Amino acid sequence: MLNESAKTYGHIIWDWNGTLLDDVDIVIGAMNTLLKRRNLPLLGKEKYKKIFTFPVKEYYAQLGFDFSIEPFEKLAVEYMTELNSDKYQFKLYSGVVKILECFPGGRAD
């Protein structure tokens, strides 16, 4: 059972975005705001999953951003500002809290 085996771990490391945090629709929505402002084609889930890559600058280029017009750094700040605006409601994937509570120190409060 997970609860018993979880007690043997001293540390766990989680990837936040897309693993604990259900944020795919939010990151697509934030990016679509930037794309709309520039009259670029909008992004859907299928395309996002197909083209998202690291370094993230390559992802922006695949979306059609022209770094000779706007530097990537400016676009990245604009994206993060949009993403952190009050209009998005981030949430955890269903069941995450229950899983985390199986590990020592993993409390819901």
PDB file of N, CA and C in Angstrom:
ATOM      1  N   MET A   1       0.838  -1.172   0.000  1.00  0.00           N
ATOM      2  CA  MET A   1       0.000   0.000   0.000  1.00  0.00           C
ATOM      3  C   MET A   1       0.889   1.243   0.000  1.00  0.00           C
ATOM      4  N   LEU A   2       0.481   2.277  -0.707  1.00  0.00           N
ATOM      5  CA  LEU A   2       1.281   3.492  -0.838  1.00  0.00           C
ATOM      6  C   LEU A   2       1.609   4.101   0.513  1.00  0.00           C
ATOM      7  N   ASN A   3       0.661   4.159   1.393  1.00  0.00           N
ATOM      8  CA  ASN A   3       0.868   4.812   2.682  1.00  0.00           C
ATOM      9  C   ASN A   3       2.036   4.189   3.441  1.00  0.00           C
ATOM     10  N   GLU A   4       2.144   2.873   3.467  1.00  0.00           N
ATOM     11  CA  GLU A   4       3.226   2.193   4.181  1.00  0.00           C
ATOM     12  C   GLU A   4       4.572   2.387   3.468  1.00  0.00           C
ATOM     13  N   SER A   5       4.604   2.228   2.160  1.00  0.00           N
ATOM     14  CA  SER A   5       5.873   2.375   1.426  1.00  0.00           C
ATOM     15  C   SER A   5       6.344   3.818   1.413  1.00  0.00           C
ATOM     16  N   ALA A   6       5.421   4.764   1.488  1.00  0.00           N
ATOM     17  CA  ALA A   6       5.781   6.180   1.486  1.00  0.00           C
ATOM     18  C   ALA A   6       6.575   6.548   2.727  1.00  0.00           C
ATOM     19  N   LYS A   7       6.388   5.849   3.815  1.00  0.00           N
ATOM     20  CA  LYS A   7       7.077   6.154   5.069  1.00  0.00           C
ATOM     21  C   LYS A   7       8.580   5.898   4.982  1.00  0.00           C
ATOM     22  N   THR A   8       9.021   5.164   3.981  1.00  0.00           N
ATOM     23  CA  THR A   8      10.446   4.850   3.856  1.00  0.00           C
ATOM     24  C   THR A   8      11.236   5.968   3.176  1.00  0.00           C
ATOM     25  N   TYR A   9      10.561   6.954   2.624  1.00  0.00           N
ATOM     26  CA  TYR A   9      11.231   8.038   1.908  1.00  0.00           C
ATOM     27  C   TYR A   9      11.528   9.207   2.835  1.00  0.00           C
ATOM     28  N   GLY A  10      12.740   9.739   2.719  1.00  0.00           N
ATOM     29  CA  GLY A  10      13.101  10.927   3.477  1.00  0.00           C
ATOM     30  C   GLY A  10      12.737  12.196   2.735  1.00  0.00           C
ATOM     31  N   HIS A  11      12.785  12.137   1.406  1.00  0.00           N
ATOM     32  CA  HIS A  11      12.482  13.303   0.575  1.00  0.00           C
ATOM     33  C   HIS A  11      11.760  12.850  -0.683  1.00  0.00           C
ATOM     34  N   ILE A  12      10.872  13.671  -1.157  1.00  0.00           N
ATOM     35  CA  ILE A  12      10.269  13.446  -2.466  1.00  0.00           C
ATOM     36  C   ILE A  12      10.396  14.747  -3.255  1.00  0.00           C
ATOM     37  N   ILE A  13      10.584  14.621  -4.541  1.00  0.00           N
ATOM     38  CA  ILE A  13      10.709  15.779  -5.416  1.00  0.00           C
ATOM     39  C   ILE A  13       9.614  15.669  -6.466  1.00  0.00           C
ATOM     40  N   TRP A  14       8.824  16.723  -6.601  1.00  0.00           N
ATOM     41  CA  TRP A  14       7.718  16.744  -7.541  1.00  0.00           C
ATOM     42  C   TRP A  14       7.930  17.831  -8.563  1.00  0.00           C
ATOM     43  N   ASP A  15       7.584  17.562  -9.773  1.00  0.00           N
ATOM     44  CA  ASP A  15       7.474  18.592 -10.791  1.00  0.00           C
ATOM     45  C   ASP A  15       6.122  19.252 -10.553  1.00  0.00           C
ATOM     46  N   TRP A  16       6.103  20.533 -10.380  1.00  0.00           N
ATOM     47  CA  TRP A  16       4.873  21.245 -10.018  1.00  0.00           C
ATOM     48  C   TRP A  16       3.910  21.328 -11.195  1.00  0.00           C
ATOM     49  N   ASN A  17       4.317  22.004 -12.270  1.00  0.00           N
ATOM     50  CA  ASN A  17       3.422  22.256 -13.410  1.00  0.00           C
ATOM     51  C   ASN A  17       3.107  20.973 -14.162  1.00  0.00           C
ATOM     52  N   GLY A  18       1.836  20.693 -14.293  1.00  0.00           N
ATOM     53  CA  GLY A  18       1.397  19.550 -15.076  1.00  0.00           C
ATOM     54  C   GLY A  18       1.460  18.233 -14.333  1.00  0.00           C
ATOM     55  N   THR A  19       2.075  18.199 -13.156  1.00  0.00           N
ATOM     56  CA  THR A  19       2.132  16.984 -12.355  1.00  0.00           C
ATOM     57  C   THR A  19       1.223  17.124 -11.143  1.00  0.00           C
ATOM     58  N   LEU A  20       1.464  18.150 -10.357  1.00  0.00           N
ATOM     59  CA  LEU A  20       0.580  18.444  -9.223  1.00  0.00           C
ATOM     60  C   LEU A  20      -0.467  19.487  -9.604  1.00  0.00           C
ATOM     61  N   LEU A  21      -0.031  20.479 -10.344  1.00  0.00           N
ATOM     62  CA  LEU A  21      -0.885  21.598 -10.715  1.00  0.00           C
ATOM     63  C   LEU A  21      -1.539  21.340 -12.073  1.00  0.00           C
ATOM     64  N   ASP A  22      -2.847  21.362 -12.101  1.00  0.00           N
ATOM     65  CA  ASP A  22      -3.606  21.173 -13.340  1.00  0.00           C
ATOM     66  C   ASP A  22      -3.683  22.517 -14.057  1.00  0.00           C
ATOM     67  N   ASP A  23      -2.647  22.819 -14.844  1.00  0.00           N
ATOM     68  CA  ASP A  23      -2.510  24.168 -15.398  1.00  0.00           C
ATOM     69  C   ASP A  23      -2.483  24.245 -16.920  1.00  0.00           C
ATOM     70  N   VAL A  24      -2.728  23.157 -17.616  1.00  0.00           N
ATOM     71  CA  VAL A  24      -2.626  23.170 -19.075  1.00  0.00           C
ATOM     72  C   VAL A  24      -3.549  24.214 -19.699  1.00  0.00           C
ATOM     73  N   ASP A  25      -4.793  24.235 -19.297  1.00  0.00           N
ATOM     74  CA  ASP A  25      -5.733  25.213 -19.866  1.00  0.00           C
ATOM     75  C   ASP A  25      -5.311  26.642 -19.532  1.00  0.00           C
ATOM     76  N   ILE A  26      -4.754  26.830 -18.350  1.00  0.00           N
ATOM     77  CA  ILE A  26      -4.330  28.162 -17.928  1.00  0.00           C
ATOM     78  C   ILE A  26      -3.134  28.642 -18.735  1.00  0.00           C
ATOM     79  N   VAL A  27      -2.121  27.794 -18.920  1.00  0.00           N
ATOM     80  CA  VAL A  27      -0.948  28.230 -19.676  1.00  0.00           C
ATOM     81  C   VAL A  27      -1.298  28.470 -21.142  1.00  0.00           C
ATOM     82  N   ILE A  28      -2.213  27.676 -21.675  1.00  0.00           N
ATOM     83  CA  ILE A  28      -2.666  27.899 -23.052  1.00  0.00           C
ATOM     84  C   ILE A  28      -3.446  29.208 -23.138  1.00  0.00           C
ATOM     85  N   GLY A  29      -4.308  29.466 -22.167  1.00  0.00           N
ATOM     86  CA  GLY A  29      -5.073  30.710 -22.154  1.00  0.00           C
ATOM     87  C   GLY A  29      -4.182  31.935 -22.074  1.00  0.00           C
ATOM     88  N   ALA A  30      -3.170  31.878 -21.221  1.00  0.00           N
ATOM     89  CA  ALA A  30      -2.240  33.005 -21.085  1.00  0.00           C
ATOM     90  C   ALA A  30      -1.472  33.225 -22.387  1.00  0.00           C
ATOM     91  N   MET A  31      -1.010  32.145 -22.990  1.00  0.00           N
ATOM     92  CA  MET A  31      -0.272  32.277 -24.250  1.00  0.00           C
ATOM     93  C   MET A  31      -1.190  32.794 -25.351  1.00  0.00           C
ATOM     94  N   ASN A  32      -2.424  32.326 -25.381  1.00  0.00           N
ATOM     95  CA  ASN A  32      -3.360  32.802 -26.404  1.00  0.00           C
ATOM     96  C   ASN A  32      -3.614  34.300 -26.289  1.00  0.00           C
ATOM     97  N   THR A  33      -3.547  34.845 -25.086  1.00  0.00           N
ATOM     98  CA  THR A  33      -3.680  36.286 -24.916  1.00  0.00           C
ATOM     99  C   THR A  33      -2.550  37.004 -25.641  1.00  0.00           C
ATOM    100  N   LEU A  34      -1.328  36.516 -25.491  1.00  0.00           N
ATOM    101  CA  LEU A  34      -0.188  37.110 -26.198  1.00  0.00           C
ATOM    102  C   LEU A  34      -0.338  36.953 -27.707  1.00  0.00           C
ATOM    103  N   LEU A  35      -0.780  35.781 -28.139  1.00  0.00           N
ATOM    104  CA  LEU A  35      -0.944  35.526 -29.568  1.00  0.00           C
ATOM    105  C   LEU A  35      -2.016  36.440 -30.170  1.00  0.00           C
ATOM    106  N   LYS A  36      -3.129  36.610 -29.458  1.00  0.00           N
ATOM    107  CA  LYS A  36      -4.208  37.491 -29.937  1.00  0.00           C
ATOM    108  C   LYS A  36      -3.707  38.917 -30.108  1.00  0.00           C
ATOM    109  N   ARG A  37      -2.921  39.392 -29.173  1.00  0.00           N
ATOM    110  CA  ARG A  37      -2.400  40.757 -29.227  1.00  0.00           C
ATOM    111  C   ARG A  37      -1.550  41.003 -30.472  1.00  0.00           C
ATOM    112  N   ARG A  38      -1.040  39.938 -31.040  1.00  0.00           N
ATOM    113  CA  ARG A  38      -0.161  40.036 -32.208  1.00  0.00           C
ATOM    114  C   ARG A  38      -0.799  39.453 -33.470  1.00  0.00           C
ATOM    115  N   ASN A  39      -2.071  39.138 -33.391  1.00  0.00           N
ATOM    116  CA  ASN A  39      -2.800  38.540 -34.518  1.00  0.00           C
ATOM    117  C   ASN A  39      -2.127  37.277 -35.044  1.00  0.00           C
ATOM    118  N   LEU A  40      -1.627  36.466 -34.123  1.00  0.00           N
ATOM    119  CA  LEU A  40      -1.023  35.184 -34.482  1.00  0.00           C
ATOM    120  C   LEU A  40      -2.044  34.076 -34.237  1.00  0.00           C
ATOM    121  N   PRO A  41      -1.901  32.934 -34.924  1.00  0.00           N
ATOM    122  CA  PRO A  41      -2.847  31.823 -34.719  1.00  0.00           C
ATOM    123  C   PRO A  41      -2.860  31.365 -33.259  1.00  0.00           C
ATOM    124  N   LEU A  42      -4.054  31.054 -32.774  1.00  0.00           N
ATOM    125  CA  LEU A  42      -4.206  30.625 -31.393  1.00  0.00           C
ATOM    126  C   LEU A  42      -3.751  29.182 -31.206  1.00  0.00           C
ATOM    127  N   LEU A  43      -3.525  28.858 -29.964  1.00  0.00           N
ATOM    128  CA  LEU A  43      -2.981  27.570 -29.566  1.00  0.00           C
ATOM    129  C   LEU A  43      -4.082  26.717 -28.948  1.00  0.00           C
ATOM    130  N   GLY A  44      -4.119  25.444 -29.305  1.00  0.00           N
ATOM    131  CA  GLY A  44      -5.028  24.476 -28.681  1.00  0.00           C
ATOM    132  C   GLY A  44      -4.210  23.428 -27.943  1.00  0.00           C
ATOM    133  N   LYS A  45      -4.879  22.560 -27.189  1.00  0.00           N
ATOM    134  CA  LYS A  45      -4.174  21.541 -26.391  1.00  0.00           C
ATOM    135  C   LYS A  45      -3.320  20.623 -27.248  1.00  0.00           C
ATOM    136  N   GLU A  46      -3.866  20.176 -28.358  1.00  0.00           N
ATOM    137  CA  GLU A  46      -3.129  19.230 -29.195  1.00  0.00           C
ATOM    138  C   GLU A  46      -1.834  19.858 -29.711  1.00  0.00           C
ATOM    139  N   LYS A  47      -1.943  21.075 -30.223  1.00  0.00           N
ATOM    140  CA  LYS A  47      -0.746  21.758 -30.731  1.00  0.00           C
ATOM    141  C   LYS A  47       0.230  22.048 -29.601  1.00  0.00           C
ATOM    142  N   TYR A  48      -0.286  22.478 -28.454  1.00  0.00           N
ATOM    143  CA  TYR A  48       0.573  22.751 -27.299  1.00  0.00           C
ATOM    144  C   TYR A  48       1.391  21.513 -26.942  1.00  0.00           C
ATOM    145  N   LYS A  49       0.730  20.380 -26.813  1.00  0.00           N
ATOM    146  CA  LYS A  49       1.422  19.142 -26.442  1.00  0.00           C
ATOM    147  C   LYS A  49       2.427  18.708 -27.514  1.00  0.00           C
ATOM    148  N   LYS A  50       2.140  19.056 -28.739  1.00  0.00           N
ATOM    149  CA  LYS A  50       3.021  18.678 -29.843  1.00  0.00           C
ATOM    150  C   LYS A  50       4.270  19.559 -29.921  1.00  0.00           C
ATOM    151  N   ILE A  51       4.122  20.867 -29.662  1.00  0.00           N
ATOM    152  CA  ILE A  51       5.254  21.765 -29.911  1.00  0.00           C
ATOM    153  C   ILE A  51       5.958  22.283 -28.665  1.00  0.00           C
ATOM    154  N   PHE A  52       5.369  22.109 -27.472  1.00  0.00           N
ATOM    155  CA  PHE A  52       6.047  22.642 -26.290  1.00  0.00           C
ATOM    156  C   PHE A  52       7.396  21.959 -26.136  1.00  0.00           C
ATOM    157  N   THR A  53       8.425  22.769 -25.892  1.00  0.00           N
ATOM    158  CA  THR A  53       9.774  22.234 -25.812  1.00  0.00           C
ATOM    159  C   THR A  53      10.651  23.135 -24.954  1.00  0.00           C
ATOM    160  N   PHE A  54      11.808  22.629 -24.645  1.00  0.00           N
ATOM    161  CA  PHE A  54      12.858  23.412 -23.990  1.00  0.00           C
ATOM    162  C   PHE A  54      14.033  23.478 -24.955  1.00  0.00           C
ATOM    163  N   PRO A  55      14.717  24.560 -25.034  1.00  0.00           N
ATOM    164  CA  PRO A  55      14.432  25.795 -24.321  1.00  0.00           C
ATOM    165  C   PRO A  55      13.112  26.409 -24.788  1.00  0.00           C
ATOM    166  N   VAL A  56      12.446  27.095 -23.878  1.00  0.00           N
ATOM    167  CA  VAL A  56      11.126  27.657 -24.129  1.00  0.00           C
ATOM    168  C   VAL A  56      11.154  28.667 -25.283  1.00  0.00           C
ATOM    169  N   LYS A  57      12.284  29.276 -25.500  1.00  0.00           N
ATOM    170  CA  LYS A  57      12.421  30.236 -26.598  1.00  0.00           C
ATOM    171  C   LYS A  57      12.061  29.584 -27.934  1.00  0.00           C
ATOM    172  N   GLU A  58      12.415  28.319 -28.103  1.00  0.00           N
ATOM    173  CA  GLU A  58      12.078  27.591 -29.337  1.00  0.00           C
ATOM    174  C   GLU A  58      10.563  27.397 -29.466  1.00  0.00           C
ATOM    175  N   TYR A  59       9.902  27.169 -28.360  1.00  0.00           N
ATOM    176  CA  TYR A  59       8.438  27.048 -28.327  1.00  0.00           C
ATOM    177  C   TYR A  59       7.802  28.347 -28.807  1.00  0.00           C
ATOM    178  N   TYR A  60       8.278  29.488 -28.298  1.00  0.00           N
ATOM    179  CA  TYR A  60       7.767  30.784 -28.720  1.00  0.00           C
ATOM    180  C   TYR A  60       7.978  30.982 -30.220  1.00  0.00           C
ATOM    181  N   ALA A  61       9.140  30.596 -30.705  1.00  0.00           N
ATOM    182  CA  ALA A  61       9.437  30.742 -32.139  1.00  0.00           C
ATOM    183  C   ALA A  61       8.470  29.899 -32.969  1.00  0.00           C
ATOM    184  N   GLN A  62       8.181  28.683 -32.517  1.00  0.00           N
ATOM    185  CA  GLN A  62       7.246  27.819 -33.243  1.00  0.00           C
ATOM    186  C   GLN A  62       5.835  28.395 -33.259  1.00  0.00           C
ATOM    187  N   LEU A  63       5.512  29.217 -32.273  1.00  0.00           N
ATOM    188  CA  LEU A  63       4.202  29.858 -32.218  1.00  0.00           C
ATOM    189  C   LEU A  63       4.116  31.060 -33.153  1.00  0.00           C
ATOM    190  N   GLY A  64       5.245  31.496 -33.672  1.00  0.00           N
ATOM    191  CA  GLY A  64       5.244  32.594 -34.637  1.00  0.00           C
ATOM    192  C   GLY A  64       5.762  33.917 -34.115  1.00  0.00           C
ATOM    193  N   PHE A  65       6.240  33.957 -32.883  1.00  0.00           N
ATOM    194  CA  PHE A  65       6.808  35.198 -32.359  1.00  0.00           C
ATOM    195  C   PHE A  65       8.092  35.517 -33.112  1.00  0.00           C
ATOM    196  N   ASP A  66       8.261  36.766 -33.471  1.00  0.00           N
ATOM    197  CA  ASP A  66       9.431  37.228 -34.228  1.00  0.00           C
ATOM    198  C   ASP A  66      10.338  38.012 -33.289  1.00  0.00           C
ATOM    199  N   PHE A  67      11.467  37.417 -32.925  1.00  0.00           N
ATOM    200  CA  PHE A  67      12.368  38.031 -31.965  1.00  0.00           C
ATOM    201  C   PHE A  67      13.130  39.226 -32.528  1.00  0.00           C
ATOM    202  N   SER A  68      13.058  39.431 -33.838  1.00  0.00           N
ATOM    203  CA  SER A  68      13.662  40.640 -34.404  1.00  0.00           C
ATOM    204  C   SER A  68      12.740  41.853 -34.191  1.00  0.00           C
ATOM    205  N   ILE A  69      11.462  41.571 -33.913  1.00  0.00           N
ATOM    206  CA  ILE A  69      10.495  42.632 -33.618  1.00  0.00           C
ATOM    207  C   ILE A  69      10.400  42.857 -32.108  1.00  0.00           C
ATOM    208  N   GLU A  70      10.292  41.761 -31.371  1.00  0.00           N
ATOM    209  CA  GLU A  70      10.205  41.820 -29.911  1.00  0.00           C
ATOM    210  C   GLU A  70      11.160  40.786 -29.333  1.00  0.00           C
ATOM    211  N   PRO A  71      12.026  41.203 -28.428  1.00  0.00           N
ATOM    212  CA  PRO A  71      12.942  40.221 -27.833  1.00  0.00           C
ATOM    213  C   PRO A  71      12.195  39.184 -26.992  1.00  0.00           C
ATOM    214  N   PHE A  72      12.732  37.992 -26.989  1.00  0.00           N
ATOM    215  CA  PHE A  72      12.134  36.902 -26.219  1.00  0.00           C
ATOM    216  C   PHE A  72      11.947  37.297 -24.755  1.00  0.00           C
ATOM    217  N   GLU A  73      12.931  37.965 -24.169  1.00  0.00           N
ATOM    218  CA  GLU A  73      12.872  38.332 -22.762  1.00  0.00           C
ATOM    219  C   GLU A  73      11.650  39.207 -22.459  1.00  0.00           C
ATOM    220  N   LYS A  74      11.312  40.109 -23.352  1.00  0.00           N
ATOM    221  CA  LYS A  74      10.132  40.970 -23.179  1.00  0.00           C
ATOM    222  C   LYS A  74       8.859  40.115 -23.246  1.00  0.00           C
ATOM    223  N   LEU A  75       8.807  39.204 -24.188  1.00  0.00           N
ATOM    224  CA  LEU A  75       7.645  38.323 -24.326  1.00  0.00           C
ATOM    225  C   LEU A  75       7.486  37.424 -23.102  1.00  0.00           C
ATOM    226  N   ALA A  76       8.597  36.920 -22.586  1.00  0.00           N
ATOM    227  CA  ALA A  76       8.547  36.045 -21.415  1.00  0.00           C
ATOM    228  C   ALA A  76       7.998  36.787 -20.203  1.00  0.00           C
ATOM    229  N   VAL A  77       8.415  38.043 -20.016  1.00  0.00           N
ATOM    230  CA  VAL A  77       7.894  38.845 -18.907  1.00  0.00           C
ATOM    231  C   VAL A  77       6.403  39.107 -19.101  1.00  0.00           C
ATOM    232  N   GLU A  78       6.006  39.420 -20.324  1.00  0.00           N
ATOM    233  CA  GLU A  78       4.586  39.653 -20.613  1.00  0.00           C
ATOM    234  C   GLU A  78       3.767  38.394 -20.327  1.00  0.00           C
ATOM    235  N   TYR A  79       4.283  37.246 -20.723  1.00  0.00           N
ATOM    236  CA  TYR A  79       3.592  35.977 -20.477  1.00  0.00           C
ATOM    237  C   TYR A  79       3.439  35.725 -18.980  1.00  0.00           C
ATOM    238  N   MET A  80       4.520  35.892 -18.222  1.00  0.00           N
ATOM    239  CA  MET A  80       4.460  35.645 -16.778  1.00  0.00           C
ATOM    240  C   MET A  80       3.513  36.627 -16.084  1.00  0.00           C
ATOM    241  N   THR A  81       3.481  37.868 -16.549  1.00  0.00           N
ATOM    242  CA  THR A  81       2.547  38.852 -15.999  1.00  0.00           C
ATOM    243  C   THR A  81       1.115  38.401 -16.251  1.00  0.00           C
ATOM    244  N   GLU A  82       0.853  37.945 -17.463  1.00  0.00           N
ATOM    245  CA  GLU A  82      -0.479  37.441 -17.812  1.00  0.00           C
ATOM    246  C   GLU A  82      -0.824  36.221 -16.984  1.00  0.00           C
ATOM    247  N   LEU A  83       0.097  35.287 -16.895  1.00  0.00           N
ATOM    248  CA  LEU A  83      -0.131  34.039 -16.162  1.00  0.00           C
ATOM    249  C   LEU A  83      -0.424  34.305 -14.690  1.00  0.00           C
ATOM    250  N   ASN A  84       0.212  35.299 -14.121  1.00  0.00           N
ATOM    251  CA  ASN A  84       0.037  35.608 -12.701  1.00  0.00           C
ATOM    252  C   ASN A  84      -1.075  36.605 -12.425  1.00  0.00           C
ATOM    253  N   SER A  85      -1.843  36.962 -13.456  1.00  0.00           N
ATOM    254  CA  SER A  85      -2.959  37.882 -13.242  1.00  0.00           C
ATOM    255  C   SER A  85      -4.068  37.169 -12.465  1.00  0.00           C
ATOM    256  N   ASP A  86      -4.976  37.948 -11.942  1.00  0.00           N
ATOM    257  CA  ASP A  86      -6.047  37.394 -11.110  1.00  0.00           C
ATOM    258  C   ASP A  86      -7.111  36.627 -11.889  1.00  0.00           C
ATOM    259  N   LYS A  87      -7.055  36.640 -13.201  1.00  0.00           N
ATOM    260  CA  LYS A  87      -8.137  36.005 -13.951  1.00  0.00           C
ATOM    261  C   LYS A  87      -8.029  34.483 -14.042  1.00  0.00           C
ATOM    262  N   TYR A  88      -6.897  33.926 -13.627  1.00  0.00           N
ATOM    263  CA  TYR A  88      -6.716  32.479 -13.703  1.00  0.00           C
ATOM    264  C   TYR A  88      -6.847  31.858 -12.317  1.00  0.00           C
ATOM    265  N   GLN A  89      -7.528  30.746 -12.255  1.00  0.00           N
ATOM    266  CA  GLN A  89      -7.735  30.028 -11.000  1.00  0.00           C
ATOM    267  C   GLN A  89      -7.001  28.692 -11.063  1.00  0.00           C
ATOM    268  N   PHE A  90      -5.820  28.649 -10.495  1.00  0.00           N
ATOM    269  CA  PHE A  90      -5.026  27.424 -10.491  1.00  0.00           C
ATOM    270  C   PHE A  90      -5.616  26.419  -9.511  1.00  0.00           C
ATOM    271  N   LYS A  91      -5.506  25.148  -9.864  1.00  0.00           N
ATOM    272  CA  LYS A  91      -5.980  24.095  -8.963  1.00  0.00           C
ATOM    273  C   LYS A  91      -5.083  22.874  -9.116  1.00  0.00           C
ATOM    274  N   LEU A  92      -5.113  22.053  -8.086  1.00  0.00           N
ATOM    275  CA  LEU A  92      -4.358  20.805  -8.115  1.00  0.00           C
ATOM    276  C   LEU A  92      -5.174  19.731  -8.823  1.00  0.00           C
ATOM    277  N   TYR A  93      -4.467  18.757  -9.385  1.00  0.00           N
ATOM    278  CA  TYR A  93      -5.165  17.604  -9.948  1.00  0.00           C
ATOM    279  C   TYR A  93      -5.917  16.877  -8.833  1.00  0.00           C
ATOM    280  N   SER A  94      -7.004  16.271  -9.209  1.00  0.00           N
ATOM    281  CA  SER A  94      -7.801  15.494  -8.264  1.00  0.00           C
ATOM    282  C   SER A  94      -6.935  14.387  -7.655  1.00  0.00           C
ATOM    283  N   GLY A  95      -6.998  14.234  -6.361  1.00  0.00           N
ATOM    284  CA  GLY A  95      -6.278  13.156  -5.681  1.00  0.00           C
ATOM    285  C   GLY A  95      -4.873  13.511  -5.219  1.00  0.00           C
ATOM    286  N   VAL A  96      -4.354  14.659  -5.626  1.00  0.00           N
ATOM    287  CA  VAL A  96      -2.984  15.029  -5.263  1.00  0.00           C
ATOM    288  C   VAL A  96      -2.823  15.167  -3.750  1.00  0.00           C
ATOM    289  N   VAL A  97      -3.742  15.855  -3.105  1.00  0.00           N
ATOM    290  CA  VAL A  97      -3.633  16.070  -1.655  1.00  0.00           C
ATOM    291  C   VAL A  97      -3.616  14.731  -0.925  1.00  0.00           C
ATOM    292  N   LYS A  98      -4.475  13.834  -1.342  1.00  0.00           N
ATOM    293  CA  LYS A  98      -4.535  12.515  -0.695  1.00  0.00           C
ATOM    294  C   LYS A  98      -3.209  11.767  -0.841  1.00  0.00           C
ATOM    295  N   ILE A  99      -2.594  11.848  -2.007  1.00  0.00           N
ATOM    296  CA  ILE A  99      -1.307  11.187  -2.224  1.00  0.00           C
ATOM    297  C   ILE A  99      -0.219  11.835  -1.369  1.00  0.00           C
ATOM    298  N   LEU A 100      -0.164  13.155  -1.350  1.00  0.00           N
ATOM    299  CA  LEU A 100       0.858  13.848  -0.573  1.00  0.00           C
ATOM    300  C   LEU A 100       0.725  13.564   0.918  1.00  0.00           C
ATOM    301  N   GLU A 101      -0.499  13.379   1.392  1.00  0.00           N
ATOM    302  CA  GLU A 101      -0.725  13.082   2.799  1.00  0.00           C
ATOM    303  C   GLU A 101      -0.179  11.711   3.203  1.00  0.00           C
ATOM    304  N   CYS A 102       0.143  10.872   2.243  1.00  0.00           N
ATOM    305  CA  CYS A 102       0.707   9.552   2.532  1.00  0.00           C
ATOM    306  C   CYS A 102       2.169   9.653   2.966  1.00  0.00           C
ATOM    307  N   PHE A 103       2.822  10.752   2.643  1.00  0.00           N
ATOM    308  CA  PHE A 103       4.236  10.916   2.951  1.00  0.00           C
ATOM    309  C   PHE A 103       4.419  11.651   4.262  1.00  0.00           C
ATOM    310  N   PRO A 104       5.501  11.334   4.986  1.00  0.00           N
ATOM    311  CA  PRO A 104       5.757  12.026   6.250  1.00  0.00           C
ATOM    312  C   PRO A 104       5.794  13.549   6.031  1.00  0.00           C
ATOM    313  N   GLY A 105       5.078  14.272   6.867  1.00  0.00           N
ATOM    314  CA  GLY A 105       5.042  15.731   6.755  1.00  0.00           C
ATOM    315  C   GLY A 105       4.071  16.230   5.709  1.00  0.00           C
ATOM    316  N   GLY A 106       3.434  15.348   4.953  1.00  0.00           N
ATOM    317  CA  GLY A 106       2.505  15.749   3.911  1.00  0.00           C
ATOM    318  C   GLY A 106       1.121  15.996   4.475  1.00  0.00           C
ATOM    319  N   ARG A 107       0.882  17.224   4.874  1.00  0.00           N
ATOM    320  CA  ARG A 107      -0.411  17.577   5.461  1.00  0.00           C
ATOM    321  C   ARG A 107      -1.179  18.458   4.492  1.00  0.00           C
ATOM    322  N   ALA A 108      -2.459  18.469   4.614  1.00  0.00           N
ATOM    323  CA  ALA A 108      -3.319  19.274   3.733  1.00  0.00           C
ATOM    324  C   ALA A 108      -3.420  20.716   4.181  1.00  0.00           C
ATOM    325  N   ASP A 109      -2.878  21.064   5.346  1.00  0.00           N
ATOM    326  CA  ASP A 109      -3.020  22.440   5.827  1.00  0.00           C
ATOM    327  C   ASP A 109      -1.845  23.312   5.462  1.00  0.00           C
TER     328      ASP A 109
END
